[in-house]
N, C-alpha and C. Protein backbone atom coordinates (compact mmCIF):
# COMPACT_ATOMS: atom_id res chain seq x y z
N MET A 1 0.84 -1.21 0.00
CA MET A 1 0.00 0.00 0.00
C MET A 1 0.88 1.25 0.00
N ILE A 2 0.52 2.21 -0.88
CA ILE A 2 1.29 3.46 -0.97
C ILE A 2 0.92 4.37 0.20
N LYS A 3 1.93 4.76 0.97
CA LYS A 3 1.70 5.65 2.11
C LYS A 3 2.24 7.06 1.90
N ALA A 4 3.07 7.24 0.86
CA ALA A 4 3.62 8.57 0.56
C ALA A 4 4.05 8.62 -0.90
N ILE A 5 4.06 9.84 -1.43
CA ILE A 5 4.49 10.07 -2.81
C ILE A 5 5.72 10.96 -2.79
N LEU A 6 6.69 10.61 -3.62
CA LEU A 6 7.92 11.38 -3.77
C LEU A 6 7.98 11.81 -5.23
N THR A 7 8.03 13.12 -5.49
CA THR A 7 7.99 13.58 -6.88
C THR A 7 9.19 14.43 -7.25
N ASP A 8 9.61 14.25 -8.48
CA ASP A 8 10.60 15.10 -9.15
C ASP A 8 9.87 16.38 -9.59
N ILE A 9 10.63 17.38 -10.04
CA ILE A 9 10.01 18.63 -10.52
C ILE A 9 10.08 18.72 -12.05
N GLU A 10 11.30 18.89 -12.59
CA GLU A 10 11.47 19.12 -14.03
C GLU A 10 10.92 17.97 -14.86
N GLY A 11 10.00 18.28 -15.77
CA GLY A 11 9.44 17.25 -16.64
C GLY A 11 8.36 16.42 -15.96
N THR A 12 8.09 16.73 -14.69
CA THR A 12 7.09 15.95 -13.92
C THR A 12 5.99 16.89 -13.44
N THR A 13 6.24 17.66 -12.39
CA THR A 13 5.23 18.65 -11.96
C THR A 13 5.30 19.90 -12.82
N SER A 14 6.48 20.16 -13.36
CA SER A 14 6.73 21.43 -14.05
C SER A 14 7.45 21.21 -15.37
N SER A 15 7.33 22.19 -16.25
CA SER A 15 7.89 22.08 -17.59
C SER A 15 9.42 22.06 -17.57
N LEU A 16 9.99 21.18 -18.38
CA LEU A 16 11.45 21.16 -18.56
C LEU A 16 11.92 22.49 -19.13
N SER A 17 11.13 23.06 -20.04
CA SER A 17 11.53 24.31 -20.68
C SER A 17 11.54 25.47 -19.70
N PHE A 18 10.69 25.43 -18.66
CA PHE A 18 10.70 26.51 -17.66
C PHE A 18 12.05 26.58 -16.98
N VAL A 19 12.58 25.43 -16.60
CA VAL A 19 13.87 25.39 -15.92
C VAL A 19 14.99 25.77 -16.88
N LYS A 20 14.97 25.15 -18.08
CA LYS A 20 16.08 25.34 -19.02
C LYS A 20 16.02 26.68 -19.74
N GLU A 21 14.81 27.18 -20.02
CA GLU A 21 14.69 28.40 -20.82
C GLU A 21 14.39 29.65 -20.00
N VAL A 22 13.98 29.47 -18.74
CA VAL A 22 13.68 30.63 -17.89
C VAL A 22 14.64 30.70 -16.70
N LEU A 23 14.64 29.67 -15.86
CA LEU A 23 15.42 29.74 -14.62
C LEU A 23 16.93 29.75 -14.85
N PHE A 24 17.44 28.82 -15.66
CA PHE A 24 18.89 28.76 -15.87
C PHE A 24 19.43 30.05 -16.51
N PRO A 25 18.82 30.54 -17.62
CA PRO A 25 19.33 31.78 -18.20
C PRO A 25 19.24 32.96 -17.23
N TYR A 26 18.18 32.99 -16.41
CA TYR A 26 18.03 34.08 -15.43
C TYR A 26 19.19 34.06 -14.44
N SER A 27 19.53 32.87 -13.91
CA SER A 27 20.62 32.79 -12.93
C SER A 27 21.96 33.12 -13.58
N LYS A 28 22.12 32.73 -14.83
CA LYS A 28 23.38 33.04 -15.54
C LYS A 28 23.53 34.55 -15.75
N LYS A 29 22.43 35.17 -16.15
CA LYS A 29 22.44 36.62 -16.42
C LYS A 29 22.71 37.43 -15.15
N LYS A 30 22.18 36.97 -14.02
CA LYS A 30 22.24 37.75 -12.77
C LYS A 30 23.44 37.38 -11.88
N LEU A 31 24.14 36.27 -12.18
CA LEU A 31 25.12 35.73 -11.23
C LEU A 31 26.22 36.72 -10.85
N ARG A 32 26.89 37.33 -11.83
CA ARG A 32 28.00 38.26 -11.52
C ARG A 32 27.53 39.39 -10.62
N ASP A 33 26.44 40.04 -11.02
CA ASP A 33 25.92 41.18 -10.25
C ASP A 33 25.50 40.75 -8.86
N PHE A 34 24.89 39.57 -8.76
CA PHE A 34 24.42 39.09 -7.46
C PHE A 34 25.59 38.93 -6.50
N VAL A 35 26.66 38.29 -6.96
CA VAL A 35 27.85 38.09 -6.11
C VAL A 35 28.46 39.44 -5.75
N ARG A 36 28.51 40.34 -6.72
CA ARG A 36 29.09 41.68 -6.50
C ARG A 36 28.28 42.46 -5.46
N LYS A 37 26.97 42.27 -5.48
CA LYS A 37 26.07 43.01 -4.55
C LYS A 37 26.09 42.44 -3.14
N HIS A 38 26.66 41.24 -2.97
CA HIS A 38 26.64 40.59 -1.65
C HIS A 38 28.05 40.21 -1.18
N PRO A 39 28.97 41.21 -1.14
CA PRO A 39 30.36 40.88 -0.78
C PRO A 39 30.53 40.41 0.67
N ASP A 40 29.62 40.84 1.54
CA ASP A 40 29.75 40.49 2.97
C ASP A 40 28.75 39.44 3.43
N ASP A 41 28.00 38.88 2.49
CA ASP A 41 26.99 37.87 2.85
C ASP A 41 27.70 36.55 3.17
N PRO A 42 27.61 36.07 4.43
CA PRO A 42 28.34 34.84 4.80
C PRO A 42 27.93 33.62 3.98
N GLU A 43 26.64 33.55 3.61
CA GLU A 43 26.17 32.40 2.83
C GLU A 43 26.80 32.39 1.43
N VAL A 44 26.83 33.58 0.81
CA VAL A 44 27.43 33.69 -0.53
C VAL A 44 28.92 33.36 -0.47
N GLN A 45 29.61 33.89 0.54
CA GLN A 45 31.05 33.64 0.68
C GLN A 45 31.33 32.15 0.93
N ARG A 46 30.48 31.51 1.72
CA ARG A 46 30.64 30.07 1.97
C ARG A 46 30.49 29.28 0.68
N ILE A 47 29.49 29.65 -0.13
CA ILE A 47 29.25 28.97 -1.40
C ILE A 47 30.47 29.12 -2.32
N LEU A 48 31.02 30.34 -2.39
CA LEU A 48 32.19 30.58 -3.24
C LEU A 48 33.39 29.76 -2.78
N ARG A 49 33.55 29.63 -1.46
CA ARG A 49 34.65 28.81 -0.93
C ARG A 49 34.46 27.33 -1.31
N GLU A 50 33.21 26.87 -1.22
CA GLU A 50 32.91 25.47 -1.58
C GLU A 50 33.23 25.21 -3.06
N VAL A 51 32.91 26.20 -3.90
CA VAL A 51 33.21 26.08 -5.34
C VAL A 51 34.71 25.91 -5.55
N GLN A 52 35.50 26.75 -4.85
CA GLN A 52 36.96 26.70 -5.00
C GLN A 52 37.56 25.40 -4.45
N GLU A 53 36.89 24.84 -3.45
CA GLU A 53 37.36 23.54 -2.91
C GLU A 53 37.16 22.43 -3.94
N ILE A 54 36.05 22.53 -4.68
CA ILE A 54 35.75 21.52 -5.70
C ILE A 54 36.65 21.73 -6.92
N GLU A 55 36.81 23.00 -7.30
CA GLU A 55 37.59 23.33 -8.49
C GLU A 55 38.31 24.65 -8.27
N PRO A 56 39.62 24.62 -7.98
CA PRO A 56 40.36 25.87 -7.74
C PRO A 56 40.30 26.79 -8.97
N GLY A 57 40.36 28.10 -8.70
CA GLY A 57 40.29 29.08 -9.78
C GLY A 57 39.25 30.14 -9.46
N ASN A 58 38.86 30.90 -10.47
CA ASN A 58 37.87 31.96 -10.31
C ASN A 58 36.49 31.32 -10.10
N PRO A 59 35.90 31.46 -8.90
CA PRO A 59 34.63 30.75 -8.63
C PRO A 59 33.48 31.21 -9.51
N ILE A 60 33.48 32.49 -9.89
CA ILE A 60 32.37 32.99 -10.72
C ILE A 60 32.43 32.35 -12.11
N GLU A 61 33.65 32.30 -12.68
CA GLU A 61 33.80 31.66 -14.00
C GLU A 61 33.44 30.18 -13.92
N THR A 62 33.84 29.54 -12.83
CA THR A 62 33.51 28.11 -12.64
C THR A 62 32.00 27.92 -12.58
N LEU A 63 31.32 28.77 -11.79
CA LEU A 63 29.86 28.67 -11.66
C LEU A 63 29.15 28.87 -12.99
N LEU A 64 29.61 29.86 -13.76
CA LEU A 64 28.99 30.13 -15.07
C LEU A 64 29.18 28.93 -16.01
N ARG A 65 30.35 28.32 -15.94
CA ARG A 65 30.60 27.14 -16.78
C ARG A 65 29.73 25.98 -16.33
N TRP A 66 29.58 25.82 -15.02
CA TRP A 66 28.73 24.75 -14.50
C TRP A 66 27.29 24.91 -14.96
N ILE A 67 26.81 26.16 -15.04
CA ILE A 67 25.44 26.40 -15.53
C ILE A 67 25.34 25.92 -16.98
N GLU A 68 26.35 26.28 -17.80
CA GLU A 68 26.38 25.85 -19.20
C GLU A 68 26.37 24.33 -19.32
N GLU A 69 27.11 23.69 -18.42
CA GLU A 69 27.25 22.22 -18.47
C GLU A 69 26.10 21.50 -17.75
N ASP A 70 25.18 22.29 -17.16
CA ASP A 70 24.05 21.73 -16.39
C ASP A 70 24.56 20.77 -15.32
N ARG A 71 25.59 21.22 -14.59
CA ARG A 71 26.17 20.40 -13.52
C ARG A 71 25.27 20.41 -12.29
N LYS A 72 25.09 19.24 -11.67
CA LYS A 72 24.24 19.13 -10.47
C LYS A 72 25.15 19.22 -9.23
N VAL A 73 25.72 20.40 -9.01
CA VAL A 73 26.67 20.59 -7.92
C VAL A 73 26.00 21.43 -6.83
N ALA A 74 26.08 20.97 -5.59
CA ALA A 74 25.35 21.61 -4.48
C ALA A 74 25.59 23.11 -4.36
N PRO A 75 26.85 23.61 -4.35
CA PRO A 75 27.03 25.07 -4.19
C PRO A 75 26.41 25.88 -5.33
N LEU A 76 26.45 25.35 -6.56
CA LEU A 76 25.80 26.05 -7.67
C LEU A 76 24.30 26.11 -7.44
N LYS A 77 23.71 24.98 -7.05
CA LYS A 77 22.27 24.94 -6.83
C LYS A 77 21.86 25.89 -5.70
N GLU A 78 22.69 25.99 -4.67
CA GLU A 78 22.39 26.91 -3.56
C GLU A 78 22.42 28.36 -4.02
N LEU A 79 23.46 28.72 -4.80
CA LEU A 79 23.56 30.10 -5.27
C LEU A 79 22.42 30.43 -6.23
N GLN A 80 22.10 29.49 -7.11
CA GLN A 80 20.96 29.71 -8.01
C GLN A 80 19.69 29.95 -7.20
N GLY A 81 19.53 29.19 -6.11
CA GLY A 81 18.37 29.37 -5.24
C GLY A 81 18.28 30.78 -4.69
N LEU A 82 19.41 31.34 -4.29
CA LEU A 82 19.44 32.71 -3.75
C LEU A 82 19.09 33.73 -4.84
N ILE A 83 19.63 33.50 -6.04
CA ILE A 83 19.36 34.42 -7.16
C ILE A 83 17.88 34.35 -7.54
N TRP A 84 17.36 33.12 -7.61
CA TRP A 84 15.94 32.97 -7.97
C TRP A 84 15.04 33.56 -6.89
N GLU A 85 15.48 33.47 -5.63
CA GLU A 85 14.69 34.05 -4.54
C GLU A 85 14.44 35.53 -4.79
N GLU A 86 15.50 36.26 -5.17
CA GLU A 86 15.35 37.69 -5.49
C GLU A 86 14.37 37.87 -6.64
N GLY A 87 14.49 37.02 -7.67
CA GLY A 87 13.62 37.12 -8.84
C GLY A 87 12.16 36.85 -8.52
N TYR A 88 11.91 35.82 -7.70
CA TYR A 88 10.53 35.50 -7.31
C TYR A 88 9.94 36.62 -6.46
N ARG A 89 10.74 37.09 -5.50
CA ARG A 89 10.21 38.12 -4.58
C ARG A 89 9.95 39.44 -5.29
N SER A 90 10.74 39.72 -6.34
CA SER A 90 10.54 40.97 -7.09
C SER A 90 9.39 40.84 -8.09
N GLY A 91 8.95 39.60 -8.34
CA GLY A 91 7.88 39.39 -9.31
C GLY A 91 8.39 39.14 -10.72
N GLU A 92 9.73 39.17 -10.90
CA GLU A 92 10.31 38.91 -12.22
C GLU A 92 10.09 37.45 -12.64
N LEU A 93 10.05 36.56 -11.65
CA LEU A 93 9.87 35.13 -11.92
C LEU A 93 8.56 34.62 -11.34
N LYS A 94 7.92 33.70 -12.06
CA LYS A 94 6.74 32.99 -11.56
C LYS A 94 6.99 31.50 -11.78
N GLY A 95 6.78 30.69 -10.74
CA GLY A 95 7.02 29.25 -10.86
C GLY A 95 5.98 28.58 -11.73
N HIS A 96 6.41 27.64 -12.58
CA HIS A 96 5.47 26.92 -13.45
C HIS A 96 5.08 25.58 -12.83
N ILE A 97 3.80 25.28 -12.89
CA ILE A 97 3.31 23.94 -12.50
C ILE A 97 2.20 23.56 -13.47
N TYR A 98 2.25 22.33 -13.97
CA TYR A 98 1.21 21.86 -14.89
C TYR A 98 -0.13 21.80 -14.18
N GLU A 99 -1.18 22.09 -14.93
CA GLU A 99 -2.54 22.08 -14.37
C GLU A 99 -2.90 20.71 -13.81
N ASP A 100 -2.53 19.65 -14.53
CA ASP A 100 -2.85 18.29 -14.04
C ASP A 100 -2.11 17.99 -12.73
N ALA A 101 -0.87 18.50 -12.62
CA ALA A 101 -0.10 18.31 -11.38
C ALA A 101 -0.78 19.05 -10.24
N TYR A 102 -1.17 20.28 -10.49
CA TYR A 102 -1.84 21.10 -9.47
C TYR A 102 -3.11 20.42 -8.98
N GLU A 103 -3.94 19.95 -9.91
CA GLU A 103 -5.22 19.32 -9.55
C GLU A 103 -5.00 18.04 -8.74
N LYS A 104 -4.06 17.20 -9.18
CA LYS A 104 -3.84 15.91 -8.52
C LYS A 104 -3.16 16.11 -7.16
N LEU A 105 -2.22 17.04 -7.07
CA LEU A 105 -1.56 17.31 -5.78
C LEU A 105 -2.58 17.81 -4.76
N LYS A 106 -3.52 18.64 -5.23
CA LYS A 106 -4.59 19.12 -4.33
C LYS A 106 -5.45 17.95 -3.85
N GLU A 107 -5.78 17.07 -4.79
CA GLU A 107 -6.62 15.90 -4.44
C GLU A 107 -5.92 15.02 -3.40
N TRP A 108 -4.62 14.75 -3.61
CA TRP A 108 -3.88 13.91 -2.66
C TRP A 108 -3.79 14.60 -1.30
N HIS A 109 -3.61 15.91 -1.32
CA HIS A 109 -3.54 16.68 -0.07
C HIS A 109 -4.86 16.54 0.70
N GLU A 110 -5.97 16.69 -0.03
CA GLU A 110 -7.29 16.59 0.60
C GLU A 110 -7.56 15.18 1.13
N ARG A 111 -6.95 14.18 0.49
CA ARG A 111 -7.11 12.78 0.93
C ARG A 111 -6.13 12.42 2.05
N GLY A 112 -5.27 13.36 2.41
CA GLY A 112 -4.32 13.12 3.49
C GLY A 112 -3.12 12.27 3.10
N ILE A 113 -2.83 12.22 1.79
CA ILE A 113 -1.66 11.45 1.32
C ILE A 113 -0.45 12.38 1.30
N PRO A 114 0.58 12.10 2.10
CA PRO A 114 1.73 13.00 2.13
C PRO A 114 2.55 12.96 0.84
N VAL A 115 2.91 14.14 0.35
CA VAL A 115 3.72 14.25 -0.87
C VAL A 115 5.01 14.97 -0.53
N TYR A 116 6.12 14.43 -1.01
CA TYR A 116 7.45 15.01 -0.80
C TYR A 116 8.08 15.29 -2.16
N VAL A 117 9.02 16.23 -2.18
CA VAL A 117 9.71 16.58 -3.41
C VAL A 117 11.17 16.13 -3.32
N TYR A 118 11.68 15.58 -4.43
CA TYR A 118 13.11 15.23 -4.52
C TYR A 118 13.60 15.76 -5.86
N SER A 119 14.43 16.80 -5.80
CA SER A 119 14.91 17.44 -7.02
C SER A 119 16.39 17.75 -6.91
N SER A 120 17.05 17.87 -8.06
CA SER A 120 18.46 18.24 -8.04
C SER A 120 18.63 19.72 -7.69
N GLY A 121 17.57 20.51 -7.85
CA GLY A 121 17.60 21.90 -7.39
C GLY A 121 17.57 21.93 -5.87
N SER A 122 18.17 22.96 -5.27
CA SER A 122 18.23 23.04 -3.81
C SER A 122 16.83 23.11 -3.20
N VAL A 123 16.73 22.74 -1.93
CA VAL A 123 15.45 22.82 -1.22
C VAL A 123 14.90 24.24 -1.30
N LYS A 124 15.77 25.23 -1.14
CA LYS A 124 15.34 26.63 -1.23
C LYS A 124 14.70 26.91 -2.60
N ALA A 125 15.35 26.43 -3.67
CA ALA A 125 14.82 26.65 -5.02
C ALA A 125 13.47 25.96 -5.20
N GLN A 126 13.32 24.78 -4.62
CA GLN A 126 12.05 24.05 -4.71
C GLN A 126 10.93 24.83 -4.02
N GLU A 127 11.21 25.31 -2.81
CA GLU A 127 10.21 26.06 -2.05
C GLU A 127 9.84 27.36 -2.75
N LEU A 128 10.82 27.98 -3.40
CA LEU A 128 10.55 29.23 -4.11
C LEU A 128 9.67 28.98 -5.33
N LEU A 129 9.99 27.94 -6.09
CA LEU A 129 9.21 27.63 -7.29
C LEU A 129 7.74 27.39 -6.92
N PHE A 130 7.52 26.53 -5.91
CA PHE A 130 6.14 26.22 -5.53
C PHE A 130 5.50 27.33 -4.71
N GLY A 131 6.31 28.24 -4.19
CA GLY A 131 5.77 29.35 -3.40
C GLY A 131 5.32 30.54 -4.21
N HIS A 132 5.68 30.56 -5.51
CA HIS A 132 5.36 31.71 -6.36
C HIS A 132 4.85 31.25 -7.71
N THR A 133 3.75 30.48 -7.72
CA THR A 133 3.19 29.96 -8.97
C THR A 133 2.01 30.81 -9.43
N GLU A 134 1.50 30.46 -10.61
CA GLU A 134 0.30 31.13 -11.13
C GLU A 134 -0.89 30.88 -10.20
N HIS A 135 -0.81 29.82 -9.39
CA HIS A 135 -1.88 29.48 -8.43
C HIS A 135 -1.57 29.98 -7.02
N GLY A 136 -0.55 30.81 -6.89
CA GLY A 136 -0.16 31.30 -5.56
C GLY A 136 0.84 30.37 -4.90
N ASP A 137 0.88 30.42 -3.57
CA ASP A 137 1.83 29.62 -2.79
C ASP A 137 1.28 28.20 -2.61
N LEU A 138 1.98 27.23 -3.19
CA LEU A 138 1.52 25.83 -3.13
C LEU A 138 2.36 24.97 -2.18
N ASN A 139 3.20 25.58 -1.37
CA ASN A 139 4.04 24.78 -0.47
C ASN A 139 3.21 23.97 0.53
N TYR A 140 1.97 24.40 0.77
CA TYR A 140 1.12 23.66 1.71
C TYR A 140 0.79 22.26 1.20
N LEU A 141 0.99 22.02 -0.10
CA LEU A 141 0.68 20.71 -0.69
C LEU A 141 1.76 19.67 -0.40
N PHE A 142 2.91 20.13 0.12
CA PHE A 142 4.05 19.22 0.33
C PHE A 142 4.41 19.11 1.80
N CYS A 143 4.85 17.91 2.18
CA CYS A 143 5.23 17.65 3.58
C CYS A 143 6.73 17.78 3.81
N GLY A 144 7.51 17.88 2.73
CA GLY A 144 8.95 18.01 2.89
C GLY A 144 9.67 17.99 1.56
N TYR A 145 10.95 18.34 1.59
CA TYR A 145 11.75 18.49 0.38
C TYR A 145 13.11 17.83 0.55
N PHE A 146 13.61 17.23 -0.53
CA PHE A 146 14.95 16.64 -0.55
C PHE A 146 15.69 17.15 -1.78
N ASP A 147 17.00 17.38 -1.62
CA ASP A 147 17.83 17.74 -2.77
C ASP A 147 19.04 16.82 -2.80
N THR A 148 20.06 17.18 -3.57
CA THR A 148 21.20 16.28 -3.74
C THR A 148 22.06 16.15 -2.49
N ARG A 149 21.74 16.91 -1.45
CA ARG A 149 22.49 16.73 -0.19
C ARG A 149 22.18 15.36 0.42
N ILE A 150 21.04 14.79 0.07
CA ILE A 150 20.73 13.44 0.59
C ILE A 150 21.36 12.36 -0.31
N GLY A 151 21.85 12.79 -1.49
CA GLY A 151 22.50 11.85 -2.41
C GLY A 151 22.09 12.08 -3.85
N ASN A 152 22.87 11.50 -4.75
CA ASN A 152 22.62 11.62 -6.18
C ASN A 152 21.31 10.92 -6.56
N LYS A 153 20.55 11.54 -7.46
CA LYS A 153 19.24 10.99 -7.82
C LYS A 153 19.31 9.70 -8.63
N LYS A 154 20.51 9.37 -9.11
CA LYS A 154 20.66 8.13 -9.89
C LYS A 154 21.26 7.00 -9.04
N ASP A 155 21.37 7.24 -7.73
CA ASP A 155 21.94 6.26 -6.81
C ASP A 155 20.83 5.65 -5.95
N PRO A 156 20.62 4.34 -6.02
CA PRO A 156 19.57 3.70 -5.21
C PRO A 156 19.67 4.00 -3.71
N GLU A 157 20.89 4.20 -3.22
CA GLU A 157 21.08 4.47 -1.78
C GLU A 157 20.38 5.76 -1.35
N SER A 158 20.29 6.74 -2.25
CA SER A 158 19.61 8.01 -1.94
C SER A 158 18.15 7.76 -1.58
N TYR A 159 17.51 6.87 -2.33
CA TYR A 159 16.10 6.57 -2.12
C TYR A 159 15.89 5.78 -0.83
N LYS A 160 16.86 4.93 -0.51
CA LYS A 160 16.79 4.20 0.77
C LYS A 160 16.91 5.17 1.94
N ARG A 161 17.79 6.17 1.78
CA ARG A 161 17.96 7.18 2.85
C ARG A 161 16.68 7.99 3.04
N ILE A 162 16.04 8.35 1.92
CA ILE A 162 14.78 9.11 2.00
C ILE A 162 13.71 8.28 2.72
N ALA A 163 13.59 7.02 2.34
CA ALA A 163 12.60 6.14 2.98
C ALA A 163 12.85 6.06 4.49
N LYS A 164 14.12 5.92 4.85
CA LYS A 164 14.48 5.84 6.27
C LYS A 164 14.10 7.12 6.99
N GLU A 165 14.38 8.26 6.34
CA GLU A 165 14.06 9.56 6.94
C GLU A 165 12.55 9.73 7.12
N LEU A 166 11.78 9.16 6.21
CA LEU A 166 10.31 9.27 6.29
C LEU A 166 9.71 8.21 7.22
N GLY A 167 10.55 7.29 7.67
CA GLY A 167 10.06 6.23 8.56
C GLY A 167 9.17 5.24 7.84
N LEU A 168 9.43 5.06 6.54
CA LEU A 168 8.62 4.14 5.73
C LEU A 168 9.50 3.10 5.05
N LYS A 169 8.89 2.01 4.63
CA LYS A 169 9.60 1.04 3.80
C LYS A 169 9.62 1.61 2.37
N PRO A 170 10.69 1.35 1.60
CA PRO A 170 10.73 1.87 0.23
C PRO A 170 9.49 1.50 -0.58
N GLU A 171 8.97 0.26 -0.40
CA GLU A 171 7.82 -0.18 -1.20
C GLU A 171 6.52 0.55 -0.83
N GLU A 172 6.55 1.35 0.24
CA GLU A 172 5.36 2.14 0.63
C GLU A 172 5.39 3.54 0.00
N ILE A 173 6.42 3.80 -0.80
CA ILE A 173 6.59 5.12 -1.42
C ILE A 173 6.48 4.99 -2.94
N LEU A 174 5.74 5.91 -3.56
CA LEU A 174 5.65 5.97 -5.02
C LEU A 174 6.50 7.14 -5.50
N PHE A 175 7.48 6.86 -6.36
CA PHE A 175 8.36 7.90 -6.90
C PHE A 175 7.95 8.24 -8.33
N LEU A 176 7.83 9.54 -8.62
CA LEU A 176 7.44 10.04 -9.94
C LEU A 176 8.59 10.85 -10.53
N SER A 177 8.97 10.54 -11.77
CA SER A 177 10.05 11.29 -12.44
C SER A 177 9.98 11.05 -13.93
N ASP A 178 10.55 11.98 -14.70
CA ASP A 178 10.64 11.79 -16.15
C ASP A 178 11.94 11.10 -16.54
N ASN A 179 12.89 11.02 -15.59
CA ASN A 179 14.23 10.52 -15.91
C ASN A 179 14.31 8.99 -15.71
N PRO A 180 14.56 8.23 -16.78
CA PRO A 180 14.56 6.77 -16.65
C PRO A 180 15.62 6.24 -15.68
N GLU A 181 16.77 6.93 -15.61
CA GLU A 181 17.83 6.46 -14.69
C GLU A 181 17.42 6.65 -13.23
N GLU A 182 16.69 7.74 -12.96
CA GLU A 182 16.19 7.97 -11.60
C GLU A 182 15.12 6.93 -11.25
N ILE A 183 14.26 6.65 -12.22
CA ILE A 183 13.21 5.64 -12.02
C ILE A 183 13.84 4.29 -11.70
N GLU A 184 14.88 3.93 -12.44
CA GLU A 184 15.54 2.64 -12.22
C GLU A 184 16.22 2.59 -10.85
N ALA A 185 16.83 3.72 -10.45
CA ALA A 185 17.50 3.78 -9.14
C ALA A 185 16.49 3.62 -8.01
N ALA A 186 15.36 4.33 -8.11
CA ALA A 186 14.32 4.24 -7.08
C ALA A 186 13.73 2.83 -7.02
N ALA A 187 13.53 2.23 -8.19
CA ALA A 187 12.99 0.86 -8.25
C ALA A 187 13.96 -0.14 -7.62
N LYS A 188 15.26 0.07 -7.88
CA LYS A 188 16.28 -0.82 -7.28
C LYS A 188 16.27 -0.70 -5.76
N ALA A 189 15.93 0.49 -5.27
CA ALA A 189 15.85 0.71 -3.81
C ALA A 189 14.59 0.08 -3.23
N GLY A 190 13.65 -0.32 -4.10
CA GLY A 190 12.43 -0.97 -3.64
C GLY A 190 11.17 -0.13 -3.74
N MET A 191 11.31 1.12 -4.24
CA MET A 191 10.13 1.99 -4.36
C MET A 191 9.27 1.59 -5.54
N LYS A 192 7.98 1.91 -5.44
CA LYS A 192 7.09 1.84 -6.59
C LYS A 192 7.43 3.07 -7.45
N VAL A 193 7.33 2.94 -8.77
CA VAL A 193 7.75 4.04 -9.64
C VAL A 193 6.79 4.25 -10.80
N VAL A 194 6.73 5.51 -11.27
CA VAL A 194 6.01 5.85 -12.50
C VAL A 194 6.85 6.88 -13.24
N ARG A 195 7.12 6.59 -14.52
CA ARG A 195 7.89 7.55 -15.34
C ARG A 195 6.94 8.45 -16.12
N PHE A 196 7.24 9.76 -16.12
CA PHE A 196 6.46 10.72 -16.88
C PHE A 196 7.06 10.90 -18.27
N ALA A 197 6.21 10.80 -19.28
CA ALA A 197 6.61 11.07 -20.67
C ALA A 197 5.62 12.09 -21.21
N ARG A 198 5.81 13.33 -20.80
CA ARG A 198 4.85 14.38 -21.16
C ARG A 198 4.93 14.70 -22.65
N GLU A 199 3.75 14.93 -23.23
CA GLU A 199 3.63 15.30 -24.64
C GLU A 199 4.52 16.51 -24.91
N GLY A 200 5.38 16.41 -25.92
CA GLY A 200 6.23 17.55 -26.29
C GLY A 200 7.49 17.68 -25.46
N GLU A 201 7.64 16.85 -24.43
CA GLU A 201 8.85 16.92 -23.58
C GLU A 201 9.64 15.62 -23.62
N ASN A 202 8.95 14.51 -23.40
CA ASN A 202 9.59 13.19 -23.42
C ASN A 202 8.67 12.19 -24.10
N GLU A 203 9.28 11.19 -24.70
CA GLU A 203 8.50 10.13 -25.33
C GLU A 203 8.53 8.87 -24.46
N PRO A 204 7.48 8.06 -24.52
CA PRO A 204 7.53 6.77 -23.82
C PRO A 204 8.69 5.94 -24.37
N ILE A 205 9.35 5.20 -23.49
CA ILE A 205 10.47 4.34 -23.90
C ILE A 205 9.93 2.95 -24.20
N LYS A 206 10.27 2.45 -25.38
CA LYS A 206 9.79 1.12 -25.79
C LYS A 206 10.38 0.05 -24.86
N ASP A 207 9.55 -0.86 -24.45
CA ASP A 207 9.96 -1.99 -23.58
C ASP A 207 10.52 -1.54 -22.23
N PHE A 208 10.15 -0.34 -21.79
CA PHE A 208 10.59 0.12 -20.47
C PHE A 208 9.87 -0.74 -19.42
N PRO A 209 10.60 -1.24 -18.43
CA PRO A 209 9.98 -2.21 -17.50
C PRO A 209 9.07 -1.61 -16.43
N TYR A 210 8.89 -0.29 -16.45
CA TYR A 210 8.07 0.35 -15.41
C TYR A 210 6.95 1.17 -16.06
N PRO A 211 5.88 1.46 -15.30
CA PRO A 211 4.75 2.22 -15.87
C PRO A 211 5.18 3.60 -16.37
N GLN A 212 4.55 4.04 -17.47
CA GLN A 212 4.80 5.37 -18.03
C GLN A 212 3.46 6.07 -18.25
N VAL A 213 3.43 7.37 -17.97
CA VAL A 213 2.19 8.15 -18.11
C VAL A 213 2.48 9.47 -18.81
N ARG A 214 1.41 10.08 -19.32
CA ARG A 214 1.52 11.40 -19.96
C ARG A 214 1.22 12.53 -18.98
N SER A 215 0.43 12.24 -17.92
CA SER A 215 0.06 13.30 -16.97
C SER A 215 -0.28 12.71 -15.61
N PHE A 216 -0.47 13.59 -14.63
CA PHE A 216 -0.82 13.16 -13.27
C PHE A 216 -2.18 12.48 -13.23
N TYR A 217 -3.06 12.81 -14.18
CA TYR A 217 -4.39 12.20 -14.19
C TYR A 217 -4.31 10.68 -14.35
N GLU A 218 -3.22 10.19 -14.93
CA GLU A 218 -3.07 8.74 -15.17
C GLU A 218 -2.42 8.00 -14.00
N VAL A 219 -1.96 8.75 -13.00
CA VAL A 219 -1.27 8.12 -11.86
C VAL A 219 -2.30 7.55 -10.89
N THR A 220 -2.18 6.26 -10.60
CA THR A 220 -3.08 5.64 -9.61
C THR A 220 -2.25 5.12 -8.45
N LEU A 221 -2.87 5.04 -7.29
CA LEU A 221 -2.15 4.61 -6.08
C LEU A 221 -2.49 3.18 -5.69
N ASP A 222 -3.01 2.40 -6.65
CA ASP A 222 -3.38 1.00 -6.35
C ASP A 222 -2.13 0.17 -6.06
């Protein structure tokens, strides 16, 4: 029996193009100025130090290159979260969520089914995206958030750690994602899984051993 749902964001609750065509370019455009405007911010300075520990050299140039390479590195995700926070609060950015995701998440919330988020974006970035949508603040629909600090999304151990943190067996959790490698990792950990293949974003994979859907309306908790 499914006791909790764990969902990805990009390509699942929200458009891949929103992240790639809106959020990433926004953080790239604002990064230099943001760092320049916060010379004494301890959080920003800590992030820059972490970048240099991973890769010595000019941290700003490293961060900009990581954005280009779509690297899933914790300090980059944290800094992007801070930049996006300014954008959301100023009204320059609005978080995208698919209508079917919004409707189904509301239904699960009303039924008392806990939903958690697991994304490569930082927890701060997740809360900001869902806190500033076309439907207003939707953070009330979620019971908690996980990012890559709990582990890589393609590593089965990450999903075992999440299950342990939730006090559930992996098989009591349903994981939703568009990424086949993440689906396989969660399944190896023992979770129930559903892969999203949204029209115009991803295609169903032939002979894929796990369920595939086009929208949240097709997800069942049987």
